[in-house]
Amino acid sequence: LPTLSADQTAGMVVVAFDTTSGLNDTHLNILRSIGVNAGHTYPTLGMVAMPLTAAQIRSLQNNPAVAAIWSNDRMHYYMHQA
């Protein structure tokens, strides 16, 4: 992320909000305010998965309503048994 310019995509990102009651309009409005209008929502978990730019991630990282942000990268197994 530090090497990406503001408009470069960071790929599929999962944003988890600090909530015990699930996703609500306040959370979605935070995403809308940074230009996100679509994504896959997980209402009960309080999470949204969507492609984000580096600038969008940077604007979310210090928001007190955001509990965690992580990349939804494909898993790579290192053992055949796994």
Protein backbone atom coordinates (compact mmCIF):
# COMPACT_ATOMS: atom_id res chain seq x y z
CA LEU A 1 0.00 0.00 0.00
CA PRO A 2 2.74 2.54 0.75
CA THR A 3 4.07 2.22 -2.79
CA LEU A 4 0.71 2.67 -4.53
CA SER A 5 -0.33 6.04 -5.91
CA ALA A 6 -3.68 7.39 -4.73
CA ASP A 7 -5.66 6.24 -7.76
CA GLN A 8 -4.13 2.75 -8.02
CA THR A 9 -6.36 -0.13 -7.04
CA ALA A 10 -5.39 -2.15 -4.01
CA GLY A 11 -7.59 -5.03 -5.14
CA MET A 12 -10.44 -6.60 -3.22
CA VAL A 13 -10.52 -5.29 0.33
CA VAL A 14 -12.64 -6.25 3.34
CA VAL A 15 -13.63 -3.46 5.73
CA ALA A 16 -14.88 -4.53 9.15
CA PHE A 17 -16.73 -1.93 11.17
CA ASP A 18 -16.59 -1.60 14.95
CA THR A 19 -20.07 -2.89 15.71
CA THR A 20 -21.88 -5.49 17.76
CA SER A 21 -25.20 -4.99 15.99
CA GLY A 22 -24.17 -5.56 12.38
CA LEU A 23 -23.90 -3.30 9.38
CA ASN A 24 -26.03 -0.15 9.33
CA ASP A 25 -26.60 2.97 7.22
CA THR A 26 -23.91 4.92 9.10
CA HIS A 27 -21.30 2.40 7.98
CA LEU A 28 -22.52 2.43 4.40
CA ASN A 29 -22.54 6.23 4.38
CA ILE A 30 -18.86 6.21 5.38
CA LEU A 31 -18.14 4.12 2.30
CA ARG A 32 -20.33 6.29 0.08
CA SER A 33 -18.48 9.39 1.29
CA ILE A 34 -15.24 8.04 -0.21
CA GLY A 35 -16.89 7.07 -3.50
CA VAL A 36 -17.82 3.44 -2.84
CA ASN A 37 -21.31 2.65 -4.06
CA ALA A 38 -21.14 -1.12 -4.53
CA GLY A 39 -19.69 -4.08 -2.74
CA HIS A 40 -20.57 -7.39 -1.17
CA THR A 41 -22.10 -6.76 2.24
CA TYR A 42 -22.04 -9.08 5.24
CA PRO A 43 -24.78 -7.40 7.30
CA THR A 44 -24.63 -9.62 10.38
CA LEU A 45 -20.83 -9.43 10.56
CA GLY A 46 -20.63 -5.68 9.95
CA MET A 47 -18.32 -6.08 6.96
CA VAL A 48 -18.16 -5.05 3.32
CA ALA A 49 -15.89 -6.46 0.61
CA MET A 50 -15.15 -4.31 -2.43
CA PRO A 51 -12.30 -3.14 -4.66
CA LEU A 52 -10.70 0.01 -3.25
CA THR A 53 -8.02 2.43 -4.35
CA ALA A 54 -5.06 3.26 -2.14
CA ALA A 55 -6.56 6.69 -1.41
CA GLN A 56 -9.85 5.15 -0.27
CA ILE A 57 -8.04 2.80 2.09
CA ARG A 58 -5.95 5.63 3.49
CA SER A 59 -9.11 7.65 4.17
CA LEU A 60 -10.65 4.74 6.08
CA GLN A 61 -7.65 3.70 8.13
CA ASN A 62 -8.08 6.36 10.82
CA ASN A 63 -11.88 6.34 10.91
CA PRO A 64 -12.99 5.38 14.45
CA ALA A 65 -15.93 3.38 13.05
CA VAL A 66 -13.55 1.05 11.18
CA ALA A 67 -12.25 -1.88 13.22
CA ALA A 68 -10.08 -3.52 10.54
CA ILE A 69 -9.12 -3.38 6.88
CA TRP A 70 -7.49 -6.28 5.11
CA SER A 71 -6.78 -7.54 1.65
CA ASN A 72 -8.97 -10.39 0.47
CA ASP A 73 -6.10 -12.14 -1.29
CA ARG A 74 -6.35 -15.67 -2.60
CA MET A 75 -4.90 -18.17 -0.15
CA HIS A 76 -1.80 -20.07 -1.19
CA TYR A 77 -1.18 -23.36 0.55
CA TYR A 78 2.38 -24.47 1.18
CA MET A 79 1.55 -28.09 2.01
CA HIS A 80 -0.24 -30.51 -0.26
CA GLN A 81 -2.19 -31.84 2.75
CA ALA A 82 -3.55 -28.39 3.60
